[in-house]
N, C-alpha and C. Protein backbone atom coordinates (compact mmCIF):
# COMPACT_ATOMS: atom_id res chain seq x y z
N MET A 1 -32.51 262.02 178.35
CA MET A 1 -31.45 261.14 178.47
C MET A 1 -30.55 260.58 177.39
N SER A 2 -29.35 260.04 177.13
CA SER A 2 -28.47 259.89 176.14
C SER A 2 -28.98 258.77 176.30
N SER A 3 -28.61 257.98 175.17
CA SER A 3 -28.90 256.36 174.82
C SER A 3 -27.72 255.43 174.41
N ASP A 4 -26.85 256.59 173.97
CA ASP A 4 -25.31 256.04 174.53
C ASP A 4 -24.74 255.06 175.71
N PRO A 5 -24.84 254.01 175.55
CA PRO A 5 -24.05 253.40 176.44
C PRO A 5 -23.16 253.95 177.06
N ALA A 6 -21.74 254.53 176.25
CA ALA A 6 -20.77 254.96 176.33
C ALA A 6 -20.52 256.72 177.56
N VAL A 7 -21.85 256.96 177.45
CA VAL A 7 -21.69 258.35 177.90
C VAL A 7 -21.89 258.05 179.89
N PRO A 8 -22.42 257.04 180.22
CA PRO A 8 -22.26 257.49 182.04
C PRO A 8 -20.57 256.57 182.29
N VAL A 9 -20.09 255.73 181.20
CA VAL A 9 -18.92 255.20 181.34
C VAL A 9 -17.48 256.74 181.33
N GLU A 10 -17.94 257.61 180.37
CA GLU A 10 -17.21 258.70 180.02
C GLU A 10 -17.20 259.11 180.79
N ALA A 11 -18.34 259.58 181.88
CA ALA A 11 -18.83 260.68 182.89
C ALA A 11 -17.88 260.42 183.96
N VAL A 12 -18.19 258.87 183.77
CA VAL A 12 -17.38 258.41 185.59
C VAL A 12 -15.72 258.75 185.45
N GLU A 13 -14.97 258.08 184.04
CA GLU A 13 -13.93 258.13 184.06
C GLU A 13 -14.06 259.41 184.06
N ASP A 14 -14.28 260.89 183.38
CA ASP A 14 -13.75 262.10 183.57
C ASP A 14 -13.50 262.20 184.77
N LEU A 15 -14.92 262.33 185.44
CA LEU A 15 -15.06 262.52 186.66
C LEU A 15 -13.24 261.64 188.00
N LEU A 16 -13.20 260.75 187.74
CA LEU A 16 -12.05 260.23 188.56
C LEU A 16 -10.55 260.75 188.13
N LEU A 17 -10.51 260.82 186.89
CA LEU A 17 -9.30 261.27 186.59
C LEU A 17 -9.24 262.68 187.33
N GLU A 18 -10.14 263.50 187.01
CA GLU A 18 -10.04 265.25 187.47
C GLU A 18 -10.10 265.00 189.07
N VAL A 19 -10.39 264.26 189.84
CA VAL A 19 -10.03 263.87 191.14
C VAL A 19 -8.85 263.20 191.16
N VAL A 20 -8.30 262.32 190.25
CA VAL A 20 -7.17 262.14 190.80
C VAL A 20 -5.94 263.48 190.55
N ARG A 21 -6.24 263.40 189.63
CA ARG A 21 -5.61 264.84 189.11
C ARG A 21 -5.44 266.50 190.06
N GLY A 22 -6.58 266.51 190.61
CA GLY A 22 -6.56 266.89 191.56
C GLY A 22 -5.97 267.15 192.82
N LEU A 23 -5.87 265.75 193.27
CA LEU A 23 -5.48 265.19 193.88
C LEU A 23 -3.82 265.09 193.90
N GLY A 24 -3.35 265.06 193.07
CA GLY A 24 -1.71 265.40 193.14
C GLY A 24 -1.52 263.34 192.48
N LEU A 25 -2.32 262.17 192.75
CA LEU A 25 -2.08 261.37 192.93
C LEU A 25 -1.29 260.59 191.41
N ASP A 26 -0.85 259.61 191.98
CA ASP A 26 0.26 259.22 190.96
C ASP A 26 -0.87 257.41 190.27
N ALA A 27 -1.92 257.59 189.75
CA ALA A 27 -2.71 256.65 189.65
C ALA A 27 -3.24 256.44 188.19
N THR A 28 -4.13 255.43 187.88
CA THR A 28 -4.79 255.34 186.40
C THR A 28 -6.37 254.88 187.03
N VAL A 29 -7.48 255.05 185.87
CA VAL A 29 -8.52 255.30 186.17
C VAL A 29 -9.11 253.96 185.35
N GLU A 30 -9.29 253.04 185.95
CA GLU A 30 -10.47 252.07 184.77
C GLU A 30 -12.12 252.03 185.20
N VAL A 31 -13.07 251.95 183.77
CA VAL A 31 -14.41 251.85 184.26
C VAL A 31 -14.69 250.98 183.60
N THR A 32 -15.78 250.28 183.99
CA THR A 32 -16.60 249.09 183.49
C THR A 32 -18.35 249.16 183.51
N ASP A 33 -18.86 248.22 182.78
CA ASP A 33 -20.33 248.57 182.99
C ASP A 33 -20.62 247.16 182.40
N ASP A 34 -21.14 246.75 183.11
CA ASP A 34 -21.34 245.24 183.26
C ASP A 34 -23.39 245.29 183.15
N GLY A 35 -23.67 246.24 182.14
CA GLY A 35 -25.38 247.02 181.96
C GLY A 35 -26.00 246.65 183.44
N GLU A 36 -25.37 246.47 184.45
CA GLU A 36 -26.42 246.88 185.85
C GLU A 36 -25.20 248.14 186.44
N THR A 37 -24.25 247.86 187.05
CA THR A 37 -23.34 248.85 187.70
C THR A 37 -22.42 249.56 186.48
N VAL A 38 -22.18 250.56 187.06
CA VAL A 38 -21.10 251.33 185.96
C VAL A 38 -19.84 251.18 187.23
N THR A 39 -18.76 250.51 187.23
CA THR A 39 -17.57 250.86 188.20
C THR A 39 -16.53 251.39 187.79
N GLY A 40 -16.11 252.20 188.35
CA GLY A 40 -15.40 252.49 188.52
C GLY A 40 -13.94 252.54 189.19
N THR A 41 -12.96 251.92 188.50
CA THR A 41 -11.81 251.93 189.71
C THR A 41 -10.14 252.53 189.55
N VAL A 42 -9.95 253.14 191.12
CA VAL A 42 -7.93 253.71 190.96
C VAL A 42 -7.83 253.02 191.42
N HIS A 43 -6.48 252.74 190.45
CA HIS A 43 -5.19 252.02 190.54
C HIS A 43 -4.15 252.71 190.96
N GLY A 44 -3.38 252.43 192.03
CA GLY A 44 -1.91 253.34 192.22
C GLY A 44 -1.93 252.57 193.75
N GLU A 45 -0.82 253.38 194.18
CA GLU A 45 -0.32 252.98 195.24
C GLU A 45 -0.43 254.38 196.07
N GLU A 46 -0.75 254.31 197.50
CA GLU A 46 -0.92 255.34 198.34
C GLU A 46 -1.91 256.13 198.03
N LEU A 47 -3.17 255.78 198.19
CA LEU A 47 -4.16 256.16 197.73
C LEU A 47 -5.41 256.28 198.99
N GLY A 48 -4.85 256.66 199.99
CA GLY A 48 -5.74 256.81 201.07
C GLY A 48 -5.68 258.48 201.23
N LEU A 49 -5.27 259.04 200.20
CA LEU A 49 -6.01 259.88 200.31
C LEU A 49 -6.99 260.50 199.94
N PHE A 50 -7.37 259.40 198.38
CA PHE A 50 -8.39 259.08 197.79
C PHE A 50 -9.57 258.49 198.78
N ILE A 51 -9.32 257.53 199.22
CA ILE A 51 -10.08 256.67 200.13
C ILE A 51 -10.44 257.54 201.12
N GLY A 52 -9.63 258.44 201.97
CA GLY A 52 -10.21 259.14 202.90
C GLY A 52 -10.50 258.35 204.15
N ARG A 53 -10.34 259.23 205.45
CA ARG A 53 -10.99 258.57 206.68
C ARG A 53 -12.36 257.80 206.54
N HIS A 54 -12.02 256.67 206.82
CA HIS A 54 -13.04 256.25 207.09
C HIS A 54 -13.84 255.60 205.61
N GLY A 55 -13.64 255.67 204.73
CA GLY A 55 -13.92 256.02 203.33
C GLY A 55 -14.86 257.06 203.29
N GLN A 56 -14.49 258.49 204.12
CA GLN A 56 -15.57 259.54 203.34
C GLN A 56 -15.44 260.07 201.77
N THR A 57 -14.09 260.02 201.82
CA THR A 57 -14.05 260.40 200.08
C THR A 57 -14.27 260.00 199.40
N ILE A 58 -13.79 258.72 199.18
CA ILE A 58 -14.50 257.62 198.31
C ILE A 58 -15.53 257.50 198.08
N ASP A 59 -16.11 258.11 199.31
CA ASP A 59 -18.12 257.95 199.25
C ASP A 59 -18.57 258.85 198.95
N ALA A 60 -17.92 260.38 199.06
CA ALA A 60 -18.24 261.51 198.37
C ALA A 60 -18.03 261.62 196.86
N VAL A 61 -17.30 260.75 196.23
CA VAL A 61 -16.80 260.79 195.31
C VAL A 61 -18.23 260.03 194.55
N GLN A 62 -18.33 258.86 194.99
CA GLN A 62 -19.41 257.88 194.54
C GLN A 62 -20.45 258.43 194.20
N HIS A 63 -21.10 259.84 195.47
CA HIS A 63 -22.10 260.31 195.28
C HIS A 63 -21.95 260.79 194.15
N LEU A 64 -21.17 261.81 193.62
CA LEU A 64 -21.04 263.00 192.54
C LEU A 64 -20.93 261.85 191.59
N ALA A 65 -20.29 260.67 191.51
CA ALA A 65 -20.52 260.38 189.97
C ALA A 65 -22.05 259.39 189.88
N GLN A 66 -22.24 259.25 190.82
CA GLN A 66 -24.05 258.68 190.44
C GLN A 66 -24.65 259.56 190.47
N ARG A 67 -24.50 260.87 191.13
CA ARG A 67 -25.32 262.14 190.43
C ARG A 67 -25.09 262.58 188.99
N ILE A 68 -23.74 262.74 188.85
CA ILE A 68 -23.45 262.64 187.25
C ILE A 68 -23.65 262.24 185.96
N ALA A 69 -23.29 260.98 186.76
CA ALA A 69 -23.72 259.21 185.63
C ALA A 69 -24.71 258.72 185.40
N GLY A 70 -25.41 258.58 186.75
CA GLY A 70 -26.56 257.93 187.11
C GLY A 70 -28.14 258.37 186.36
N PRO A 71 -28.11 259.54 186.00
CA PRO A 71 -29.03 260.16 185.49
C PRO A 71 -29.07 259.68 183.47
N ARG A 72 -27.90 259.42 183.24
CA ARG A 72 -27.39 258.87 182.00
C ARG A 72 -27.13 257.56 181.83
N ALA A 73 -27.10 256.99 183.23
CA ALA A 73 -27.35 255.23 183.16
C ALA A 73 -28.19 254.84 182.96
N GLY A 74 -29.40 255.52 183.36
CA GLY A 74 -30.63 254.65 183.15
C GLY A 74 -31.24 254.44 184.53
N ALA A 75 -32.61 254.00 184.85
CA ALA A 75 -32.87 253.90 185.68
C ALA A 75 -32.87 251.99 186.62
N GLY A 76 -32.25 252.27 187.61
CA GLY A 76 -32.05 251.09 188.44
C GLY A 76 -30.90 250.87 188.39
N ARG A 77 -29.75 251.46 187.62
CA ARG A 77 -28.95 251.26 187.46
C ARG A 77 -27.65 251.68 188.49
N ARG A 78 -26.68 251.15 188.97
CA ARG A 78 -25.71 251.50 190.32
C ARG A 78 -24.16 251.94 189.32
N VAL A 79 -23.86 253.17 190.00
CA VAL A 79 -22.55 253.78 189.95
C VAL A 79 -21.77 253.58 190.91
N ALA A 80 -20.72 252.56 191.07
CA ALA A 80 -19.95 252.15 192.09
C ALA A 80 -18.38 252.73 191.95
N ILE A 81 -17.86 253.24 192.89
CA ILE A 81 -16.21 253.51 192.58
C ILE A 81 -15.64 252.74 193.92
N ASP A 82 -14.57 252.28 193.48
CA ASP A 82 -13.08 251.39 194.31
C ASP A 82 -11.75 251.80 193.96
N ALA A 83 -10.87 251.66 195.35
CA ALA A 83 -9.67 251.92 194.73
C ALA A 83 -8.99 250.97 195.27
N GLU A 84 -8.60 249.94 194.69
CA GLU A 84 -7.35 248.94 194.81
C GLU A 84 -8.04 247.74 196.07
N GLY A 85 -9.08 247.75 196.13
CA GLY A 85 -9.99 246.87 196.78
C GLY A 85 -10.64 247.37 197.98
N TYR A 86 -10.69 248.73 198.03
CA TYR A 86 -10.85 248.84 199.73
C TYR A 86 -12.03 248.56 199.52
N ARG A 87 -13.51 248.64 198.83
CA ARG A 87 -14.74 247.94 198.97
C ARG A 87 -15.17 246.90 199.54
N GLU A 88 -14.23 246.01 198.90
CA GLU A 88 -14.07 244.45 199.49
C GLU A 88 -13.62 244.31 200.85
N ARG A 89 -12.56 244.90 201.53
CA ARG A 89 -11.81 245.14 202.05
C ARG A 89 -12.80 245.63 203.55
N ARG A 90 -13.22 246.76 203.22
CA ARG A 90 -14.48 247.68 204.15
C ARG A 90 -15.37 246.04 204.53
N GLU A 91 -16.06 245.84 203.30
CA GLU A 91 -17.12 245.04 203.41
C GLU A 91 -16.85 243.54 204.83
N ALA A 92 -15.70 243.52 204.21
CA ALA A 92 -15.20 242.10 205.55
C ALA A 92 -15.04 242.88 206.89
N MET A 93 -14.23 243.85 206.93
CA MET A 93 -14.25 244.11 207.96
C MET A 93 -15.43 244.67 209.12
N LEU A 94 -16.72 245.05 208.30
CA LEU A 94 -18.28 244.96 208.45
C LEU A 94 -18.86 243.73 209.03
N HIS A 95 -18.43 243.11 208.18
CA HIS A 95 -19.07 241.52 208.49
C HIS A 95 -18.13 240.99 210.05
N ARG A 96 -17.29 241.47 209.88
CA ARG A 96 -16.34 240.94 211.19
C ARG A 96 -17.21 241.73 212.49
N GLN A 97 -17.17 242.75 212.71
CA GLN A 97 -17.77 243.99 213.53
C GLN A 97 -19.09 243.43 213.66
N ALA A 98 -20.08 243.13 212.88
CA ALA A 98 -21.28 242.33 212.74
C ALA A 98 -21.40 240.98 213.36
N ASP A 99 -20.39 240.28 212.88
CA ASP A 99 -20.25 239.28 214.03
C ASP A 99 -20.11 239.52 215.46
N HIS A 100 -18.98 240.09 215.70
CA HIS A 100 -18.84 240.45 217.07
C HIS A 100 -19.90 241.26 217.76
N ALA A 101 -20.45 242.21 217.10
CA ALA A 101 -21.75 242.63 217.88
C ALA A 101 -22.92 241.90 218.38
N ALA A 102 -23.24 240.62 217.00
CA ALA A 102 -24.14 239.52 217.34
C ALA A 102 -23.54 239.04 218.57
N ASP A 103 -22.64 238.26 218.79
CA ASP A 103 -21.84 237.31 219.58
C ASP A 103 -22.05 238.03 221.40
N ASP A 104 -21.89 239.56 221.17
CA ASP A 104 -22.37 240.51 222.45
C ASP A 104 -23.61 240.45 223.04
N ALA A 105 -24.41 240.50 221.97
CA ALA A 105 -25.90 240.80 222.52
C ALA A 105 -26.51 239.64 222.63
N LEU A 106 -25.59 238.34 222.08
CA LEU A 106 -26.52 237.48 223.07
C LEU A 106 -25.56 236.75 223.81
N ARG A 107 -24.54 237.41 223.67
CA ARG A 107 -23.77 236.95 225.19
C ARG A 107 -23.93 237.81 226.63
N TYR A 108 -24.69 238.79 226.37
CA TYR A 108 -24.94 240.07 227.66
C TYR A 108 -26.24 239.97 227.51
N GLY A 109 -27.52 239.49 226.59
CA GLY A 109 -28.21 239.27 226.36
C GLY A 109 -29.20 241.07 226.56
N ARG A 110 -28.21 241.88 225.61
CA ARG A 110 -28.82 243.19 225.67
C ARG A 110 -28.36 243.84 224.19
N ALA A 111 -28.95 245.57 224.03
CA ALA A 111 -28.82 245.49 222.62
C ALA A 111 -27.35 246.07 222.33
N VAL A 112 -26.53 246.04 221.53
CA VAL A 112 -25.23 246.21 220.96
C VAL A 112 -25.00 247.39 219.76
N ALA A 113 -24.72 248.97 220.54
CA ALA A 113 -24.84 249.43 219.44
C ALA A 113 -23.34 249.66 218.14
N MET A 114 -23.37 249.89 216.87
CA MET A 114 -22.05 249.56 216.45
C MET A 114 -21.78 250.98 216.02
N ASP A 115 -20.77 251.20 215.13
CA ASP A 115 -20.07 252.40 215.46
C ASP A 115 -21.00 253.18 213.90
N ALA A 116 -21.08 254.87 214.00
CA ALA A 116 -22.09 254.55 212.95
C ALA A 116 -21.60 254.58 211.60
N MET A 117 -22.39 254.62 210.76
CA MET A 117 -21.77 254.58 209.22
C MET A 117 -22.53 254.69 208.23
N ASN A 118 -22.58 255.13 207.09
CA ASN A 118 -23.33 255.66 206.04
C ASN A 118 -24.86 254.75 205.51
N ALA A 119 -25.82 255.07 204.74
CA ALA A 119 -26.63 254.09 204.78
C ALA A 119 -26.28 252.73 203.84
N SER A 120 -25.26 253.27 203.15
CA SER A 120 -24.83 251.86 202.19
C SER A 120 -24.46 250.61 202.99
N GLU A 121 -23.74 251.32 204.27
CA GLU A 121 -22.77 250.51 204.86
C GLU A 121 -23.73 249.54 205.93
N ARG A 122 -24.60 250.53 206.71
CA ARG A 122 -25.75 250.28 207.12
C ARG A 122 -26.85 248.80 206.53
N ARG A 123 -26.71 248.93 205.31
CA ARG A 123 -28.13 248.25 204.74
C ARG A 123 -27.67 246.96 204.54
N LEU A 124 -25.83 246.66 203.85
CA LEU A 124 -24.76 245.97 204.08
C LEU A 124 -24.82 245.01 205.23
N VAL A 125 -24.97 245.39 206.39
CA VAL A 125 -24.90 244.76 208.01
C VAL A 125 -26.36 243.98 208.14
N HIS A 126 -27.59 244.91 207.74
CA HIS A 126 -28.65 244.54 208.24
C HIS A 126 -28.51 243.19 207.50
N GLU A 127 -28.48 243.14 205.94
CA GLU A 127 -28.79 242.21 204.82
C GLU A 127 -27.73 240.72 205.47
N TYR A 128 -26.77 241.39 205.67
CA TYR A 128 -26.04 240.18 206.45
C TYR A 128 -26.26 239.47 207.50
N LEU A 129 -26.65 240.06 208.51
CA LEU A 129 -26.97 239.73 209.55
C LEU A 129 -28.66 239.13 209.66
N ARG A 130 -29.06 239.51 208.26
CA ARG A 130 -30.64 239.13 207.89
C ARG A 130 -31.33 237.69 208.27
N ASP A 131 -30.47 236.75 207.84
CA ASP A 131 -30.70 235.17 208.17
C ASP A 131 -30.19 234.71 209.55
N HIS A 132 -29.52 235.71 210.50
CA HIS A 132 -29.43 235.00 211.74
C HIS A 132 -30.37 235.10 212.72
N ASP A 133 -30.89 234.16 212.79
CA ASP A 133 -31.80 233.73 213.71
C ASP A 133 -31.56 234.53 214.79
N GLU A 134 -30.82 234.43 215.76
CA GLU A 134 -31.34 234.95 217.02
C GLU A 134 -30.83 236.51 217.28
N VAL A 135 -30.54 237.15 216.19
CA VAL A 135 -30.41 238.52 216.28
C VAL A 135 -31.52 239.53 215.36
N GLN A 136 -32.07 241.04 215.94
CA GLN A 136 -32.32 241.66 214.91
C GLN A 136 -31.66 242.57 214.69
N THR A 137 -31.78 243.55 213.75
CA THR A 137 -31.25 244.49 213.83
C THR A 137 -31.66 245.91 213.32
N TYR A 138 -31.53 247.35 213.51
CA TYR A 138 -32.48 248.29 213.70
C TYR A 138 -31.36 249.25 212.97
N SER A 139 -32.16 250.58 213.20
CA SER A 139 -30.72 251.91 213.17
C SER A 139 -31.36 252.73 213.95
N GLU A 140 -30.25 253.68 214.17
CA GLU A 140 -31.37 254.32 215.05
C GLU A 140 -30.09 256.09 214.48
N GLY A 141 -30.28 256.89 215.51
CA GLY A 141 -29.78 258.11 215.31
C GLY A 141 -29.85 258.65 214.35
N ASP A 142 -29.61 260.32 213.97
CA ASP A 142 -29.50 261.06 213.12
C ASP A 142 -28.23 261.16 212.26
N GLU A 143 -28.31 261.15 210.88
CA GLU A 143 -27.35 261.67 209.90
C GLU A 143 -26.01 262.96 210.66
N PRO A 144 -24.47 262.76 210.86
CA PRO A 144 -24.13 261.49 210.51
C PRO A 144 -23.90 260.98 211.85
N ASP A 145 -24.42 260.49 212.29
CA ASP A 145 -24.06 259.70 213.58
C ASP A 145 -25.13 258.21 213.58
N ARG A 146 -26.15 258.03 212.26
CA ARG A 146 -26.84 257.24 212.51
C ARG A 146 -26.21 255.68 212.92
N HIS A 147 -26.19 255.09 213.81
CA HIS A 147 -25.69 254.10 213.78
C HIS A 147 -26.84 252.26 213.65
N LEU A 148 -26.38 251.59 213.07
CA LEU A 148 -26.99 250.28 213.47
C LEU A 148 -26.89 249.50 214.62
N VAL A 149 -27.87 248.91 215.13
CA VAL A 149 -28.61 248.17 216.69
C VAL A 149 -28.43 247.15 216.32
N VAL A 150 -27.47 245.96 217.07
CA VAL A 150 -28.17 244.39 216.79
C VAL A 150 -28.02 243.93 218.52
N ALA A 151 -29.35 243.03 218.13
CA ALA A 151 -29.81 243.39 220.00
C ALA A 151 -30.85 241.29 219.63
N PRO A 152 -30.59 240.65 220.51
CA PRO A 152 -31.15 239.72 221.06
C PRO A 152 -32.71 239.91 219.85
N VAL A 153 -33.41 238.55 219.30
CA VAL A 153 -34.46 238.38 219.17
C VAL A 153 -35.07 237.79 220.11
N GLU A 154 -36.39 238.99 221.00
CA GLU A 154 -37.25 238.44 221.99
C GLU A 154 -37.73 237.23 221.87
N GLN A 155 -37.97 236.58 223.01
CA GLN A 155 -38.26 234.86 222.48
C GLN A 155 -39.94 235.44 222.91
């Protein structure tokens, strides 16, 4: 493992530049390292191809970046990939969906299954609803159809 802190940044930058070039996008790449997370961000217009349907492409690029740069970054450090605020918008949308699922679970007194989502999104929703005293969450199903269930807490 390299002790040079620039190595994971360069690895993520090289990967993102190659993907942007391969997709024929008019975009720039910025990579930062705050000591805990190496974050690669793609800036440009019309980045839908980079993000992909339901974020599948950006998630795949993030997985590749983690596999390539993660071992070079050191234990416990994350690699995150974003494109023009997609991750923040996606998180806000998941929070809204979680709120609706919790409301429905309480209103109808039954478990509500959310749409299938990847492990990091399921974890985000679990954490978001963790402090909601009236509902509990759990995951069901097998990948790629694994989903989160929001259910009323049994009294």
